[in-house]
Amino acid sequence: MLMNKPEIGEAVVEYRDANIRVVRPGRFVRCAVTGESIPLDQLKYWSVERQEAYSSPEAVLQSLGRRQPRADTAR
Protein backbone atom coordinates (compact mmCIF):
# COMPACT_ATOMS: atom_id res chain seq x y z
CA MET A 1 0.00 0.00 0.00
CA LEU A 2 1.37 3.43 -0.97
CA MET A 3 1.17 6.15 1.60
CA ASN A 4 0.51 9.75 0.63
CA LYS A 5 3.73 11.65 1.42
CA PRO A 6 3.17 15.38 0.88
CA GLU A 7 6.69 16.14 2.09
CA ILE A 8 8.03 14.69 -1.17
CA GLY A 9 6.49 17.34 -3.41
CA GLU A 10 6.19 21.08 -3.55
CA ALA A 11 5.60 22.91 -0.28
CA VAL A 12 3.17 25.75 0.26
CA VAL A 13 4.90 28.47 2.24
CA GLU A 14 4.01 31.79 3.83
CA TYR A 15 6.95 34.15 3.43
CA ARG A 16 7.56 36.37 6.46
CA ASP A 17 10.09 39.10 7.22
CA ALA A 18 12.70 36.96 8.95
CA ASN A 19 11.53 33.42 8.26
CA ILE A 20 9.00 31.25 6.50
CA ARG A 21 5.96 29.34 7.74
CA VAL A 22 5.26 26.02 6.06
CA VAL A 23 1.53 25.80 5.32
CA ARG A 24 1.74 22.46 3.49
CA PRO A 25 4.85 20.31 3.94
CA GLY A 26 7.06 19.55 1.00
CA ARG A 27 10.70 19.40 0.04
CA PHE A 28 10.86 22.43 -2.24
CA VAL A 29 9.28 25.63 -3.53
CA ARG A 30 9.52 27.04 -7.04
CA CYS A 31 11.36 30.16 -8.08
CA ALA A 32 8.81 32.74 -9.26
CA VAL A 33 11.14 33.82 -12.09
CA THR A 34 12.87 30.67 -13.34
CA GLY A 35 10.46 27.93 -12.21
CA GLU A 36 13.47 26.13 -10.72
CA SER A 37 12.90 23.92 -7.68
CA ILE A 38 14.48 25.32 -4.51
CA PRO A 39 14.94 22.86 -1.63
CA LEU A 40 13.46 24.40 1.53
CA ASP A 41 16.75 24.01 3.38
CA GLN A 42 18.45 26.11 0.66
CA LEU A 43 15.83 28.86 0.38
CA LYS A 44 17.51 32.24 0.95
CA TYR A 45 15.62 34.77 -1.16
CA TRP A 46 11.92 35.67 -1.08
CA SER A 47 9.52 38.58 -1.17
CA VAL A 48 7.11 39.09 1.71
CA GLU A 49 5.05 41.57 -0.33
CA ARG A 50 4.75 39.32 -3.38
CA GLN A 51 4.81 36.02 -1.46
CA GLU A 52 7.33 34.62 -3.95
CA ALA A 53 10.53 32.62 -3.68
CA TYR A 54 13.65 33.26 -5.76
CA SER A 55 16.55 30.98 -6.65
CA SER A 56 19.22 33.72 -6.72
CA PRO A 57 19.84 37.45 -6.32
CA GLU A 58 19.64 37.72 -10.12
CA ALA A 59 16.13 36.24 -10.03
CA VAL A 60 15.14 38.83 -7.42
CA LEU A 61 16.35 41.63 -9.68
CA GLN A 62 14.51 40.16 -12.67
CA SER A 63 11.34 40.01 -10.62
CA LEU A 64 11.75 43.67 -9.71
CA GLY A 65 12.20 44.52 -13.39
CA ARG A 66 15.85 45.42 -13.06
CA ARG A 67 18.85 44.00 -14.75
CA GLN A 68 22.25 43.67 -13.21
CA PRO A 69 24.86 45.86 -14.88
CA ARG A 70 27.43 43.92 -16.83
CA ALA A 71 30.89 43.99 -15.32
CA ASP A 72 32.39 45.58 -18.44
CA THR A 73 29.84 48.43 -18.53
CA ALA A 74 29.49 49.21 -14.82
CA ARG A 75 31.16 52.39 -13.64
PDB file of N, CA and C in Angstrom:
ATOM      1  N   MET A   1       0.832  -1.169   0.000  1.00  0.00           N
ATOM      2  CA  MET A   1       0.000   0.000   0.000  1.00  0.00           C
ATOM      3  C   MET A   1       0.886   1.246   0.000  1.00  0.00           C
ATOM      4  N   LEU A   2       0.612   2.194  -0.905  1.00  0.00           N
ATOM      5  CA  LEU A   2       1.372   3.429  -0.974  1.00  0.00           C
ATOM      6  C   LEU A   2       0.770   4.449  -0.018  1.00  0.00           C
ATOM      7  N   MET A   3       1.638   5.121   0.685  1.00  0.00           N
ATOM      8  CA  MET A   3       1.167   6.154   1.599  1.00  0.00           C
ATOM      9  C   MET A   3       1.362   7.510   0.939  1.00  0.00           C
ATOM     10  N   ASN A   4       0.409   8.396   1.156  1.00  0.00           N
ATOM     11  CA  ASN A   4       0.508   9.746   0.631  1.00  0.00           C
ATOM     12  C   ASN A   4       1.575  10.489   1.428  1.00  0.00           C
ATOM     13  N   LYS A   5       2.630  10.966   0.750  1.00  0.00           N
ATOM     14  CA  LYS A   5       3.728  11.655   1.419  1.00  0.00           C
ATOM     15  C   LYS A   5       3.855  13.063   0.856  1.00  0.00           C
ATOM     16  N   PRO A   6       3.114  14.025   1.407  1.00  0.00           N
ATOM     17  CA  PRO A   6       3.171  15.382   0.878  1.00  0.00           C
ATOM     18  C   PRO A   6       4.539  16.028   1.000  1.00  0.00           C
ATOM     19  N   GLU A   7       5.374  15.547   1.926  1.00  0.00           N
ATOM     20  CA  GLU A   7       6.694  16.140   2.086  1.00  0.00           C
ATOM     21  C   GLU A   7       7.609  15.870   0.904  1.00  0.00           C
ATOM     22  N   ILE A   8       7.214  15.006   0.000  1.00  0.00           N
ATOM     23  CA  ILE A   8       8.029  14.688  -1.169  1.00  0.00           C
ATOM     24  C   ILE A   8       7.903  15.763  -2.243  1.00  0.00           C
ATOM     25  N   GLY A   9       6.744  16.388  -2.342  1.00  0.00           N
ATOM     26  CA  GLY A   9       6.488  17.336  -3.414  1.00  0.00           C
ATOM     27  C   GLY A   9       6.756  18.783  -3.046  1.00  0.00           C
ATOM     28  N   GLU A  10       6.027  19.644  -3.724  1.00  0.00           N
ATOM     29  CA  GLU A  10       6.187  21.083  -3.547  1.00  0.00           C
ATOM     30  C   GLU A  10       5.480  21.546  -2.281  1.00  0.00           C
ATOM     31  N   ALA A  11       6.161  22.359  -1.518  1.00  0.00           N
ATOM     32  CA  ALA A  11       5.605  22.907  -0.281  1.00  0.00           C
ATOM     33  C   ALA A  11       4.792  24.162  -0.592  1.00  0.00           C
ATOM     34  N   VAL A  12       3.870  24.466   0.285  1.00  0.00           N
ATOM     35  CA  VAL A  12       3.173  25.753   0.257  1.00  0.00           C
ATOM     36  C   VAL A  12       3.696  26.512   1.468  1.00  0.00           C
ATOM     37  N   VAL A  13       4.188  27.721   1.214  1.00  0.00           N
ATOM     38  CA  VAL A  13       4.903  28.467   2.239  1.00  0.00           C
ATOM     39  C   VAL A  13       4.340  29.876   2.356  1.00  0.00           C
ATOM     40  N   GLU A  14       4.300  30.381   3.582  1.00  0.00           N
ATOM     41  CA  GLU A  14       4.009  31.790   3.830  1.00  0.00           C
ATOM     42  C   GLU A  14       5.345  32.460   4.111  1.00  0.00           C
ATOM     43  N   TYR A  15       5.667  33.460   3.303  1.00  0.00           N
ATOM     44  CA  TYR A  15       6.948  34.148   3.432  1.00  0.00           C
ATOM     45  C   TYR A  15       6.788  35.313   4.397  1.00  0.00           C
ATOM     46  N   ARG A  16       7.598  35.326   5.441  1.00  0.00           N
ATOM     47  CA  ARG A  16       7.560  36.368   6.464  1.00  0.00           C
ATOM     48  C   ARG A  16       8.852  37.169   6.424  1.00  0.00           C
ATOM     49  N   ASP A  17       8.910  38.225   7.237  1.00  0.00           N
ATOM     50  CA  ASP A  17      10.089  39.105   7.223  1.00  0.00           C
ATOM     51  C   ASP A  17      11.394  38.377   7.512  1.00  0.00           C
ATOM     52  N   ALA A  18      11.435  37.579   8.549  1.00  0.00           N
ATOM     53  CA  ALA A  18      12.703  36.961   8.946  1.00  0.00           C
ATOM     54  C   ALA A  18      12.721  35.451   8.774  1.00  0.00           C
ATOM     55  N   ASN A  19      11.589  34.874   8.410  1.00  0.00           N
ATOM     56  CA  ASN A  19      11.530  33.419   8.263  1.00  0.00           C
ATOM     57  C   ASN A  19      10.351  33.031   7.383  1.00  0.00           C
ATOM     58  N   ILE A  20      10.129  31.752   7.271  1.00  0.00           N
ATOM     59  CA  ILE A  20       8.995  31.248   6.503  1.00  0.00           C
ATOM     60  C   ILE A  20       8.130  30.379   7.410  1.00  0.00           C
ATOM     61  N   ARG A  21       6.860  30.252   7.034  1.00  0.00           N
ATOM     62  CA  ARG A  21       5.963  29.339   7.744  1.00  0.00           C
ATOM     63  C   ARG A  21       5.465  28.338   6.719  1.00  0.00           C
ATOM     64  N   VAL A  22       5.699  27.065   6.976  1.00  0.00           N
ATOM     65  CA  VAL A  22       5.263  26.017   6.060  1.00  0.00           C
ATOM     66  C   VAL A  22       3.781  25.761   6.293  1.00  0.00           C
ATOM     67  N   VAL A  23       2.978  26.013   5.255  1.00  0.00           N
ATOM     68  CA  VAL A  23       1.533  25.803   5.318  1.00  0.00           C
ATOM     69  C   VAL A  23       1.207  24.363   4.945  1.00  0.00           C
ATOM     70  N   ARG A  24       1.865  23.867   3.892  1.00  0.00           N
ATOM     71  CA  ARG A  24       1.736  22.462   3.491  1.00  0.00           C
ATOM     72  C   ARG A  24       3.134  21.907   3.293  1.00  0.00           C
ATOM     73  N   PRO A  25       3.488  20.863   4.031  1.00  0.00           N
ATOM     74  CA  PRO A  25       4.847  20.309   3.943  1.00  0.00           C
ATOM     75  C   PRO A  25       5.228  19.870   2.533  1.00  0.00           C
ATOM     76  N   GLY A  26       6.480  19.981   2.270  1.00  0.00           N
ATOM     77  CA  GLY A  26       7.061  19.552   1.004  1.00  0.00           C
ATOM     78  C   GLY A  26       8.562  19.724   1.086  1.00  0.00           C
ATOM     79  N   ARG A  27       9.233  19.298   0.055  1.00  0.00           N
ATOM     80  CA  ARG A  27      10.696  19.396   0.044  1.00  0.00           C
ATOM     81  C   ARG A  27      11.207  20.657  -0.628  1.00  0.00           C
ATOM     82  N   PHE A  28      10.378  21.293  -1.460  1.00  0.00           N
ATOM     83  CA  PHE A  28      10.861  22.429  -2.238  1.00  0.00           C
ATOM     84  C   PHE A  28       9.753  23.426  -2.512  1.00  0.00           C
ATOM     85  N   VAL A  29      10.174  24.624  -2.957  1.00  0.00           N
ATOM     86  CA  VAL A  29       9.276  25.629  -3.526  1.00  0.00           C
ATOM     87  C   VAL A  29       9.837  25.969  -4.897  1.00  0.00           C
ATOM     88  N   ARG A  30       9.067  26.673  -5.693  1.00  0.00           N
ATOM     89  CA  ARG A  30       9.518  27.038  -7.036  1.00  0.00           C
ATOM     90  C   ARG A  30       9.889  28.511  -7.108  1.00  0.00           C
ATOM     91  N   CYS A  31      10.947  28.789  -7.826  1.00  0.00           N
ATOM     92  CA  CYS A  31      11.357  30.164  -8.081  1.00  0.00           C
ATOM     93  C   CYS A  31      10.290  30.830  -8.946  1.00  0.00           C
ATOM     94  N   ALA A  32       9.846  32.013  -8.534  1.00  0.00           N
ATOM     95  CA  ALA A  32       8.812  32.735  -9.264  1.00  0.00           C
ATOM     96  C   ALA A  32       9.288  33.212 -10.636  1.00  0.00           C
ATOM     97  N   VAL A  33      10.592  33.317 -10.822  1.00  0.00           N
ATOM     98  CA  VAL A  33      11.141  33.817 -12.087  1.00  0.00           C
ATOM     99  C   VAL A  33      11.552  32.679 -13.017  1.00  0.00           C
ATOM    100  N   THR A  34      12.302  31.717 -12.494  1.00  0.00           N
ATOM    101  CA  THR A  34      12.865  30.666 -13.341  1.00  0.00           C
ATOM    102  C   THR A  34      12.059  29.372 -13.343  1.00  0.00           C
ATOM    103  N   GLY A  35      11.203  29.184 -12.340  1.00  0.00           N
ATOM    104  CA  GLY A  35      10.465  27.930 -12.211  1.00  0.00           C
ATOM    105  C   GLY A  35      11.296  26.813 -11.612  1.00  0.00           C
ATOM    106  N   GLU A  36      12.543  27.114 -11.294  1.00  0.00           N
ATOM    107  CA  GLU A  36      13.467  26.133 -10.723  1.00  0.00           C
ATOM    108  C   GLU A  36      13.000  25.698  -9.328  1.00  0.00           C
ATOM    109  N   SER A  37      13.193  24.428  -9.009  1.00  0.00           N
ATOM    110  CA  SER A  37      12.899  23.916  -7.677  1.00  0.00           C
ATOM    111  C   SER A  37      13.981  24.375  -6.706  1.00  0.00           C
ATOM    112  N   ILE A  38      13.550  24.876  -5.551  1.00  0.00           N
ATOM    113  CA  ILE A  38      14.480  25.321  -4.514  1.00  0.00           C
ATOM    114  C   ILE A  38      14.206  24.487  -3.263  1.00  0.00           C
ATOM    115  N   PRO A  39      15.136  23.623  -2.864  1.00  0.00           N
ATOM    116  CA  PRO A  39      14.936  22.860  -1.628  1.00  0.00           C
ATOM    117  C   PRO A  39      14.718  23.819  -0.455  1.00  0.00           C
ATOM    118  N   LEU A  40      13.764  23.504   0.418  1.00  0.00           N
ATOM    119  CA  LEU A  40      13.461  24.398   1.535  1.00  0.00           C
ATOM    120  C   LEU A  40      14.681  24.719   2.378  1.00  0.00           C
ATOM    121  N   ASP A  41      15.568  23.755   2.554  1.00  0.00           N
ATOM    122  CA  ASP A  41      16.748  24.014   3.378  1.00  0.00           C
ATOM    123  C   ASP A  41      17.782  24.899   2.675  1.00  0.00           C
ATOM    124  N   GLN A  42      17.548  25.231   1.403  1.00  0.00           N
ATOM    125  CA  GLN A  42      18.454  26.109   0.662  1.00  0.00           C
ATOM    126  C   GLN A  42      17.797  27.431   0.275  1.00  0.00           C
ATOM    127  N   LEU A  43      16.570  27.640   0.707  1.00  0.00           N
ATOM    128  CA  LEU A  43      15.830  28.858   0.378  1.00  0.00           C
ATOM    129  C   LEU A  43      16.427  30.049   1.120  1.00  0.00           C
ATOM    130  N   LYS A  44      16.878  31.054   0.363  1.00  0.00           N
ATOM    131  CA  LYS A  44      17.509  32.243   0.949  1.00  0.00           C
ATOM    132  C   LYS A  44      16.832  33.537   0.537  1.00  0.00           C
ATOM    133  N   TYR A  45      16.152  33.533  -0.598  1.00  0.00           N
ATOM    134  CA  TYR A  45      15.619  34.772  -1.155  1.00  0.00           C
ATOM    135  C   TYR A  45      14.114  34.650  -1.373  1.00  0.00           C
ATOM    136  N   TRP A  46      13.361  35.644  -0.853  1.00  0.00           N
ATOM    137  CA  TRP A  46      11.920  35.671  -1.080  1.00  0.00           C
ATOM    138  C   TRP A  46      11.405  37.084  -0.887  1.00  0.00           C
ATOM    139  N   SER A  47      10.186  37.299  -1.334  1.00  0.00           N
ATOM    140  CA  SER A  47       9.519  38.581  -1.173  1.00  0.00           C
ATOM    141  C   SER A  47       8.305  38.384  -0.279  1.00  0.00           C
ATOM    142  N   VAL A  48       8.263  39.136   0.821  1.00  0.00           N
ATOM    143  CA  VAL A  48       7.111  39.089   1.714  1.00  0.00           C
ATOM    144  C   VAL A  48       5.914  39.718   1.010  1.00  0.00           C
ATOM    145  N   GLU A  49       6.133  40.852   0.345  1.00  0.00           N
ATOM    146  CA  GLU A  49       5.050  41.570  -0.326  1.00  0.00           C
ATOM    147  C   GLU A  49       4.418  40.744  -1.444  1.00  0.00           C
ATOM    148  N   ARG A  50       5.248  40.100  -2.237  1.00  0.00           N
ATOM    149  CA  ARG A  50       4.753  39.320  -3.382  1.00  0.00           C
ATOM    150  C   ARG A  50       4.477  37.866  -3.041  1.00  0.00           C
ATOM    151  N   GLN A  51       4.947  37.418  -1.869  1.00  0.00           N
ATOM    152  CA  GLN A  51       4.811  36.023  -1.460  1.00  0.00           C
ATOM    153  C   GLN A  51       5.378  35.099  -2.536  1.00  0.00           C
ATOM    154  N   GLU A  52       6.631  35.391  -2.919  1.00  0.00           N
ATOM    155  CA  GLU A  52       7.335  34.623  -3.950  1.00  0.00           C
ATOM    156  C   GLU A  52       8.715  34.220  -3.457  1.00  0.00           C
ATOM    157  N   ALA A  53       9.178  33.093  -3.949  1.00  0.00           N
ATOM    158  CA  ALA A  53      10.534  32.618  -3.678  1.00  0.00           C
ATOM    159  C   ALA A  53      11.391  32.867  -4.910  1.00  0.00           C
ATOM    160  N   TYR A  54      12.715  33.026  -4.670  1.00  0.00           N
ATOM    161  CA  TYR A  54      13.653  33.259  -5.763  1.00  0.00           C
ATOM    162  C   TYR A  54      14.880  32.373  -5.581  1.00  0.00           C
ATOM    163  N   SER A  55      15.408  31.898  -6.687  1.00  0.00           N
ATOM    164  CA  SER A  55      16.546  30.984  -6.651  1.00  0.00           C
ATOM    165  C   SER A  55      17.889  31.685  -6.487  1.00  0.00           C
ATOM    166  N   SER A  56      17.946  32.992  -6.763  1.00  0.00           N
ATOM    167  CA  SER A  56      19.223  33.718  -6.717  1.00  0.00           C
ATOM    168  C   SER A  56      18.960  35.217  -6.627  1.00  0.00           C
ATOM    169  N   PRO A  57      20.002  35.996  -6.304  1.00  0.00           N
ATOM    170  CA  PRO A  57      19.842  37.453  -6.316  1.00  0.00           C
ATOM    171  C   PRO A  57      19.466  37.970  -7.718  1.00  0.00           C
ATOM    172  N   GLU A  58      19.983  37.327  -8.746  1.00  0.00           N
ATOM    173  CA  GLU A  58      19.644  37.724 -10.119  1.00  0.00           C
ATOM    174  C   GLU A  58      18.151  37.554 -10.385  1.00  0.00           C
ATOM    175  N   ALA A  59      17.570  36.471  -9.860  1.00  0.00           N
ATOM    176  CA  ALA A  59      16.131  36.236 -10.035  1.00  0.00           C
ATOM    177  C   ALA A  59      15.321  37.301  -9.304  1.00  0.00           C
ATOM    178  N   VAL A  60      15.806  37.749  -8.153  1.00  0.00           N
ATOM    179  CA  VAL A  60      15.137  38.831  -7.417  1.00  0.00           C
ATOM    180  C   VAL A  60      15.116  40.085  -8.276  1.00  0.00           C
ATOM    181  N   LEU A  61      16.269  40.435  -8.837  1.00  0.00           N
ATOM    182  CA  LEU A  61      16.353  41.629  -9.683  1.00  0.00           C
ATOM    183  C   LEU A  61      15.458  41.521 -10.903  1.00  0.00           C
ATOM    184  N   GLN A  62      15.402  40.352 -11.516  1.00  0.00           N
ATOM    185  CA  GLN A  62      14.513  40.162 -12.665  1.00  0.00           C
ATOM    186  C   GLN A  62      13.066  40.364 -12.255  1.00  0.00           C
ATOM    187  N   SER A  63      12.698  39.859 -11.101  1.00  0.00           N
ATOM    188  CA  SER A  63      11.339  40.014 -10.624  1.00  0.00           C
ATOM    189  C   SER A  63      10.985  41.478 -10.390  1.00  0.00           C
ATOM    190  N   LEU A  64      11.957  42.242  -9.961  1.00  0.00           N
ATOM    191  CA  LEU A  64      11.748  43.667  -9.713  1.00  0.00           C
ATOM    192  C   LEU A  64      11.837  44.494 -10.997  1.00  0.00           C
ATOM    193  N   GLY A  65      12.136  43.825 -12.113  1.00  0.00           N
ATOM    194  CA  GLY A  65      12.204  44.522 -13.388  1.00  0.00           C
ATOM    195  C   GLY A  65      13.520  45.222 -13.634  1.00  0.00           C
ATOM    196  N   ARG A  66      14.529  44.824 -12.896  1.00  0.00           N
ATOM    197  CA  ARG A  66      15.852  45.421 -13.056  1.00  0.00           C
ATOM    198  C   ARG A  66      16.806  44.394 -13.621  1.00  0.00           C
ATOM    199  N   ARG A  67      17.798  44.881 -14.269  1.00  0.00           N
ATOM    200  CA  ARG A  67      18.855  44.002 -14.754  1.00  0.00           C
ATOM    201  C   ARG A  67      20.137  44.381 -14.049  1.00  0.00           C
ATOM    202  N   GLN A  68      20.949  43.385 -13.793  1.00  0.00           N
ATOM    203  CA  GLN A  68      22.251  43.669 -13.210  1.00  0.00           C
ATOM    204  C   GLN A  68      23.143  44.287 -14.265  1.00  0.00           C
ATOM    205  N   PRO A  69      23.914  45.312 -13.902  1.00  0.00           N
ATOM    206  CA  PRO A  69      24.859  45.858 -14.882  1.00  0.00           C
ATOM    207  C   PRO A  69      25.944  44.847 -15.191  1.00  0.00           C
ATOM    208  N   ARG A  70      26.330  44.814 -16.453  1.00  0.00           N
ATOM    209  CA  ARG A  70      27.431  43.919 -16.832  1.00  0.00           C
ATOM    210  C   ARG A  70      28.711  44.469 -16.265  1.00  0.00           C
ATOM    211  N   ALA A  71      29.630  43.588 -15.936  1.00  0.00           N
ATOM    212  CA  ALA A  71      30.889  43.990 -15.322  1.00  0.00           C
ATOM    213  C   ALA A  71      31.685  44.940 -16.217  1.00  0.00           C
ATOM    214  N   ASP A  72      31.602  44.744 -17.534  1.00  0.00           N
ATOM    215  CA  ASP A  72      32.393  45.585 -18.442  1.00  0.00           C
ATOM    216  C   ASP A  72      31.752  46.949 -18.705  1.00  0.00           C
ATOM    217  N   THR A  73      30.493  47.142 -18.304  1.00  0.00           N
ATOM    218  CA  THR A  73      29.842  48.434 -18.534  1.00  0.00           C
ATOM    219  C   THR A  73      29.554  49.193 -17.244  1.00  0.00           C
ATOM    220  N   ALA A  74      29.744  48.545 -16.111  1.00  0.00           N
ATOM    221  CA  ALA A  74      29.494  49.206 -14.825  1.00  0.00           C
ATOM    222  C   ALA A  74      30.584  50.225 -14.539  1.00  0.00           C
ATOM    223  N   ARG A  75      30.186  51.352 -13.981  1.00  0.00           N
ATOM    224  CA  ARG A  75      31.163  52.394 -13.642  1.00  0.00           C
ATOM    225  C   ARG A  75      31.038  52.770 -12.209  1.00  0.00           C
TER     226      ARG A  75
END
